Amino acid sequence: MTAIAMPFFWQDRHGNRHLPARMETRHLFYTLRMIWNSTMPAAARLPGNVYSFGSTYTKDYMLNAIAAIATELDMREDLTPDWEQQLQRMIDWLATHQLNRAEPAQIAEIA
C-alpha cells in the first residue's frame, strides 16, 4: 500500500482538500459512507448510493480515507443514533475480518 501523507486530507471532486478534523460531522459521515459503499465488497455496504470515482481516488487513497475519517468520526460526540449505528457496523465489519482500524494497510487485503 502506498504511504499517504499525514495528516490525511480528503480531496473533494473539485480538487479542494479538507482536513477531516475540520469537517462538519454530517458532511464527514456522508463522505465516509460514500467512500465505504464505493470501496468495500457488496456484503459490507450500508444504505446509500455507490459512486464511481475518477483515477485520482486510488484504492490505497480510498482505504486510507476510510481509516482516517472513521477514526475522526469515532471521536465525535454529535453523531446521530443512526450514524453511530452505521459507524459501528463498519467498525464491526472490519473487526470481523480481523482488521485493526489503526492499520489501514490491512484493509486493502480484503477490499
N, C-alpha and C. Protein backbone atom coordinates (compact mmCIF):
# COMPACT_ATOMS: atom_id res chain seq x y z
N MET A 1 0.85 -1.18 0.00
CA MET A 1 0.00 0.00 0.00
C MET A 1 0.89 1.24 0.00
N THR A 2 0.56 2.18 -0.83
CA THR A 2 1.31 3.42 -0.92
C THR A 2 1.08 4.25 0.32
N ALA A 3 2.13 4.80 0.86
CA ALA A 3 2.00 5.65 2.05
C ALA A 3 1.27 6.93 1.68
N ILE A 4 0.34 7.30 2.50
CA ILE A 4 -0.41 8.54 2.32
C ILE A 4 0.16 9.57 3.29
N ALA A 5 0.41 10.78 2.78
CA ALA A 5 0.97 11.83 3.62
C ALA A 5 0.04 12.11 4.80
N MET A 6 0.63 12.30 5.96
CA MET A 6 -0.15 12.65 7.14
C MET A 6 0.15 14.10 7.49
N PRO A 7 -0.79 14.89 7.91
CA PRO A 7 -2.14 14.42 8.17
C PRO A 7 -2.87 14.14 6.86
N PHE A 8 -3.89 13.29 6.95
CA PHE A 8 -4.69 12.92 5.79
C PHE A 8 -5.63 14.06 5.43
N PHE A 9 -5.76 14.33 4.14
CA PHE A 9 -6.73 15.30 3.64
C PHE A 9 -7.65 14.59 2.66
N TRP A 10 -8.96 14.83 2.79
CA TRP A 10 -9.91 14.35 1.82
C TRP A 10 -9.96 15.35 0.68
N GLN A 11 -9.81 14.86 -0.54
CA GLN A 11 -9.91 15.73 -1.71
C GLN A 11 -11.28 15.56 -2.34
N ASP A 12 -12.05 16.64 -2.40
CA ASP A 12 -13.39 16.55 -2.97
C ASP A 12 -13.31 16.55 -4.50
N ARG A 13 -14.46 16.40 -5.13
CA ARG A 13 -14.48 16.28 -6.59
C ARG A 13 -14.03 17.54 -7.31
N HIS A 14 -13.95 18.65 -6.59
CA HIS A 14 -13.49 19.90 -7.18
C HIS A 14 -12.00 20.12 -6.97
N GLY A 15 -11.36 19.17 -6.29
CA GLY A 15 -9.92 19.27 -6.03
C GLY A 15 -9.58 19.98 -4.74
N ASN A 16 -10.60 20.41 -3.98
CA ASN A 16 -10.36 21.07 -2.70
C ASN A 16 -9.99 20.02 -1.67
N ARG A 17 -9.02 20.33 -0.82
CA ARG A 17 -8.58 19.40 0.22
C ARG A 17 -9.18 19.79 1.56
N HIS A 18 -9.64 18.78 2.31
CA HIS A 18 -10.30 19.02 3.60
C HIS A 18 -9.65 18.16 4.68
N LEU A 19 -9.26 18.77 5.75
CA LEU A 19 -8.76 18.04 6.91
C LEU A 19 -9.98 17.49 7.65
N PRO A 20 -10.08 16.16 7.81
CA PRO A 20 -11.27 15.60 8.46
C PRO A 20 -11.62 16.24 9.81
N ALA A 21 -10.64 16.60 10.60
CA ALA A 21 -10.89 17.20 11.91
C ALA A 21 -11.63 18.54 11.79
N ARG A 22 -11.56 19.16 10.62
CA ARG A 22 -12.21 20.46 10.43
C ARG A 22 -13.52 20.35 9.65
N MET A 23 -13.89 19.14 9.27
CA MET A 23 -15.13 18.95 8.52
C MET A 23 -16.31 18.83 9.48
N GLU A 24 -17.44 19.36 9.07
CA GLU A 24 -18.67 19.26 9.85
C GLU A 24 -19.06 17.78 9.92
N THR A 25 -19.57 17.35 11.05
CA THR A 25 -19.84 15.94 11.30
C THR A 25 -20.76 15.33 10.24
N ARG A 26 -21.81 16.00 9.88
CA ARG A 26 -22.74 15.47 8.88
C ARG A 26 -22.02 15.22 7.56
N HIS A 27 -21.25 16.20 7.11
CA HIS A 27 -20.52 16.07 5.85
C HIS A 27 -19.49 14.94 5.96
N LEU A 28 -18.82 14.86 7.08
CA LEU A 28 -17.81 13.82 7.29
C LEU A 28 -18.44 12.43 7.26
N PHE A 29 -19.58 12.27 7.93
CA PHE A 29 -20.24 10.97 7.96
C PHE A 29 -20.67 10.54 6.55
N TYR A 30 -21.33 11.43 5.83
CA TYR A 30 -21.80 11.05 4.50
C TYR A 30 -20.65 10.84 3.52
N THR A 31 -19.55 11.54 3.71
CA THR A 31 -18.36 11.28 2.91
C THR A 31 -17.84 9.88 3.18
N LEU A 32 -17.76 9.51 4.45
CA LEU A 32 -17.31 8.16 4.80
C LEU A 32 -18.22 7.10 4.20
N ARG A 33 -19.51 7.28 4.35
CA ARG A 33 -20.44 6.27 3.84
C ARG A 33 -20.34 6.15 2.31
N MET A 34 -20.15 7.26 1.63
CA MET A 34 -19.99 7.24 0.19
C MET A 34 -18.72 6.47 -0.19
N ILE A 35 -17.62 6.74 0.51
CA ILE A 35 -16.36 6.04 0.26
C ILE A 35 -16.52 4.56 0.58
N TRP A 36 -17.10 4.27 1.73
CA TRP A 36 -17.27 2.88 2.19
C TRP A 36 -18.05 2.07 1.15
N ASN A 37 -19.21 2.57 0.75
CA ASN A 37 -20.06 1.85 -0.19
C ASN A 37 -19.40 1.66 -1.56
N SER A 38 -18.53 2.57 -1.92
CA SER A 38 -17.89 2.52 -3.23
C SER A 38 -16.57 1.74 -3.22
N THR A 39 -16.10 1.36 -2.03
CA THR A 39 -14.80 0.70 -1.91
C THR A 39 -14.90 -0.72 -1.40
N MET A 40 -15.81 -0.96 -0.49
CA MET A 40 -15.90 -2.26 0.16
C MET A 40 -16.77 -3.25 -0.64
N PRO A 41 -16.62 -4.54 -0.33
CA PRO A 41 -17.45 -5.54 -1.01
C PRO A 41 -18.95 -5.30 -0.75
N ALA A 42 -19.78 -5.79 -1.64
CA ALA A 42 -21.23 -5.58 -1.54
C ALA A 42 -21.79 -6.00 -0.19
N ALA A 43 -21.27 -7.07 0.39
CA ALA A 43 -21.77 -7.56 1.68
C ALA A 43 -21.54 -6.57 2.81
N ALA A 44 -20.62 -5.64 2.64
CA ALA A 44 -20.29 -4.68 3.69
C ALA A 44 -21.03 -3.35 3.53
N ARG A 45 -21.70 -3.15 2.43
CA ARG A 45 -22.32 -1.86 2.12
C ARG A 45 -23.44 -1.50 3.09
N LEU A 46 -23.62 -0.19 3.21
CA LEU A 46 -24.66 0.40 4.04
C LEU A 46 -25.73 1.00 3.14
N PRO A 47 -26.87 1.41 3.71
CA PRO A 47 -27.86 2.09 2.88
C PRO A 47 -27.23 3.33 2.25
N GLY A 48 -27.48 3.53 1.00
CA GLY A 48 -26.91 4.69 0.30
C GLY A 48 -26.41 4.28 -1.07
N ASN A 49 -25.98 5.25 -1.81
CA ASN A 49 -25.57 5.03 -3.19
C ASN A 49 -24.13 4.53 -3.28
N VAL A 50 -23.84 3.94 -4.43
CA VAL A 50 -22.49 3.55 -4.79
C VAL A 50 -22.08 4.50 -5.91
N TYR A 51 -20.93 5.14 -5.76
CA TYR A 51 -20.46 6.12 -6.73
C TYR A 51 -19.23 5.60 -7.47
N SER A 52 -19.01 6.16 -8.63
CA SER A 52 -17.78 5.90 -9.37
C SER A 52 -16.87 7.10 -9.16
N PHE A 53 -15.63 6.81 -8.83
CA PHE A 53 -14.66 7.87 -8.60
C PHE A 53 -13.64 7.85 -9.72
N GLY A 54 -13.07 9.01 -10.01
CA GLY A 54 -12.05 9.12 -11.04
C GLY A 54 -10.73 8.51 -10.60
N SER A 55 -9.76 8.54 -11.48
CA SER A 55 -8.46 7.92 -11.22
C SER A 55 -7.68 8.59 -10.09
N THR A 56 -8.07 9.79 -9.71
CA THR A 56 -7.42 10.47 -8.58
C THR A 56 -7.61 9.67 -7.29
N TYR A 57 -8.73 8.98 -7.20
CA TYR A 57 -9.09 8.25 -5.99
C TYR A 57 -8.65 6.79 -6.13
N THR A 58 -7.38 6.57 -5.87
CA THR A 58 -6.85 5.21 -5.96
C THR A 58 -7.40 4.36 -4.82
N LYS A 59 -7.26 3.04 -4.97
CA LYS A 59 -7.72 2.14 -3.91
C LYS A 59 -7.01 2.44 -2.60
N ASP A 60 -5.69 2.65 -2.67
CA ASP A 60 -4.93 2.98 -1.46
C ASP A 60 -5.45 4.25 -0.80
N TYR A 61 -5.70 5.27 -1.62
CA TYR A 61 -6.19 6.54 -1.09
C TYR A 61 -7.55 6.34 -0.41
N MET A 62 -8.44 5.59 -1.06
CA MET A 62 -9.78 5.39 -0.50
C MET A 62 -9.73 4.58 0.79
N LEU A 63 -8.86 3.59 0.86
CA LEU A 63 -8.74 2.80 2.07
C LEU A 63 -8.17 3.62 3.22
N ASN A 64 -7.22 4.48 2.90
CA ASN A 64 -6.70 5.39 3.93
C ASN A 64 -7.76 6.40 4.34
N ALA A 65 -8.59 6.81 3.40
CA ALA A 65 -9.68 7.74 3.73
C ALA A 65 -10.64 7.09 4.72
N ILE A 66 -10.98 5.83 4.49
CA ILE A 66 -11.86 5.12 5.42
C ILE A 66 -11.25 5.12 6.81
N ALA A 67 -9.99 4.76 6.92
CA ALA A 67 -9.33 4.70 8.23
C ALA A 67 -9.29 6.07 8.90
N ALA A 68 -8.89 7.10 8.15
CA ALA A 68 -8.75 8.44 8.73
C ALA A 68 -10.09 9.04 9.13
N ILE A 69 -11.09 8.91 8.27
CA ILE A 69 -12.38 9.52 8.54
C ILE A 69 -13.14 8.76 9.62
N ALA A 70 -13.09 7.43 9.59
CA ALA A 70 -13.75 6.65 10.64
C ALA A 70 -13.14 6.95 12.00
N THR A 71 -11.82 7.08 12.04
CA THR A 71 -11.15 7.41 13.30
C THR A 71 -11.60 8.77 13.82
N GLU A 72 -11.71 9.74 12.92
CA GLU A 72 -12.18 11.07 13.33
C GLU A 72 -13.63 11.01 13.80
N LEU A 73 -14.48 10.32 13.07
CA LEU A 73 -15.89 10.24 13.47
C LEU A 73 -16.05 9.53 14.81
N ASP A 74 -15.21 8.56 15.07
CA ASP A 74 -15.29 7.81 16.32
C ASP A 74 -15.04 8.71 17.54
N MET A 75 -14.40 9.85 17.33
CA MET A 75 -14.13 10.79 18.41
C MET A 75 -15.22 11.85 18.57
N ARG A 76 -16.12 11.92 17.61
CA ARG A 76 -17.16 12.95 17.63
C ARG A 76 -18.26 12.59 18.62
N GLU A 77 -18.81 13.62 19.25
CA GLU A 77 -19.88 13.42 20.22
C GLU A 77 -21.24 13.85 19.69
N ASP A 78 -21.29 14.29 18.42
CA ASP A 78 -22.56 14.78 17.89
C ASP A 78 -23.11 13.90 16.77
N LEU A 79 -22.77 12.62 16.79
CA LEU A 79 -23.32 11.68 15.81
C LEU A 79 -24.78 11.39 16.17
N THR A 80 -25.62 11.26 15.17
CA THR A 80 -27.00 10.85 15.44
C THR A 80 -26.97 9.36 15.78
N PRO A 81 -28.02 8.85 16.42
CA PRO A 81 -28.06 7.41 16.71
C PRO A 81 -27.90 6.55 15.44
N ASP A 82 -28.50 6.98 14.33
CA ASP A 82 -28.38 6.23 13.08
C ASP A 82 -26.93 6.23 12.58
N TRP A 83 -26.26 7.37 12.65
CA TRP A 83 -24.87 7.45 12.22
C TRP A 83 -23.99 6.58 13.12
N GLU A 84 -24.25 6.62 14.43
CA GLU A 84 -23.48 5.78 15.36
C GLU A 84 -23.65 4.31 15.01
N GLN A 85 -24.87 3.92 14.69
CA GLN A 85 -25.15 2.52 14.35
C GLN A 85 -24.41 2.12 13.07
N GLN A 86 -24.44 2.97 12.07
CA GLN A 86 -23.76 2.66 10.82
C GLN A 86 -22.24 2.66 10.98
N LEU A 87 -21.71 3.61 11.74
CA LEU A 87 -20.28 3.63 12.01
C LEU A 87 -19.87 2.36 12.75
N GLN A 88 -20.68 1.95 13.72
CA GLN A 88 -20.37 0.73 14.47
C GLN A 88 -20.42 -0.48 13.54
N ARG A 89 -21.35 -0.48 12.60
CA ARG A 89 -21.42 -1.60 11.65
C ARG A 89 -20.14 -1.67 10.83
N MET A 90 -19.61 -0.52 10.42
CA MET A 90 -18.35 -0.51 9.68
C MET A 90 -17.21 -1.04 10.55
N ILE A 91 -17.15 -0.56 11.78
CA ILE A 91 -16.11 -1.00 12.71
C ILE A 91 -16.22 -2.50 12.95
N ASP A 92 -17.44 -2.98 13.17
CA ASP A 92 -17.65 -4.41 13.40
C ASP A 92 -17.27 -5.23 12.18
N TRP A 93 -17.60 -4.72 10.99
CA TRP A 93 -17.26 -5.44 9.78
C TRP A 93 -15.74 -5.59 9.66
N LEU A 94 -15.03 -4.50 9.93
CA LEU A 94 -13.57 -4.56 9.88
C LEU A 94 -13.02 -5.51 10.94
N ALA A 95 -13.60 -5.46 12.14
CA ALA A 95 -13.13 -6.34 13.22
C ALA A 95 -13.41 -7.81 12.89
N THR A 96 -14.55 -8.08 12.30
CA THR A 96 -14.90 -9.44 11.91
C THR A 96 -13.90 -9.99 10.90
N HIS A 97 -13.39 -9.11 10.10
CA HIS A 97 -12.40 -9.52 9.09
C HIS A 97 -10.98 -9.35 9.64
N GLN A 98 -10.90 -9.28 10.98
CA GLN A 98 -9.64 -9.22 11.72
C GLN A 98 -8.75 -8.07 11.28
N LEU A 99 -9.35 -6.90 11.20
CA LEU A 99 -8.60 -5.71 10.84
C LEU A 99 -8.54 -4.76 12.02
N ASN A 100 -7.47 -4.08 12.11
CA ASN A 100 -7.28 -3.06 13.14
C ASN A 100 -7.45 -1.71 12.47
N ARG A 101 -8.37 -0.89 12.95
CA ARG A 101 -8.61 0.41 12.31
C ARG A 101 -7.36 1.26 12.26
N ALA A 102 -6.41 1.04 13.16
CA ALA A 102 -5.20 1.85 13.17
C ALA A 102 -4.22 1.43 12.07
N GLU A 103 -4.54 0.35 11.37
CA GLU A 103 -3.64 -0.15 10.34
C GLU A 103 -4.38 -0.25 9.01
N PRO A 104 -4.54 0.90 8.30
CA PRO A 104 -5.32 0.89 7.06
C PRO A 104 -4.75 -0.03 5.99
N ALA A 105 -3.49 -0.34 6.03
CA ALA A 105 -2.92 -1.23 5.02
C ALA A 105 -3.60 -2.59 5.04
N GLN A 106 -4.07 -3.02 6.19
CA GLN A 106 -4.75 -4.31 6.30
C GLN A 106 -6.08 -4.30 5.57
N ILE A 107 -6.71 -3.16 5.47
CA ILE A 107 -8.00 -3.07 4.81
C ILE A 107 -7.86 -3.50 3.35
N ALA A 108 -6.75 -3.15 2.73
CA ALA A 108 -6.54 -3.47 1.32
C ALA A 108 -6.56 -4.96 1.05
N GLU A 109 -6.23 -5.75 2.03
CA GLU A 109 -6.17 -7.19 1.85
C GLU A 109 -7.53 -7.82 1.62
N ILE A 110 -8.59 -7.17 2.09
CA ILE A 110 -9.92 -7.77 1.96
C ILE A 110 -10.86 -6.95 1.09
N ALA A 111 -10.52 -5.73 0.80
CA ALA A 111 -11.41 -4.88 0.00
C ALA A 111 -11.29 -5.20 -1.49
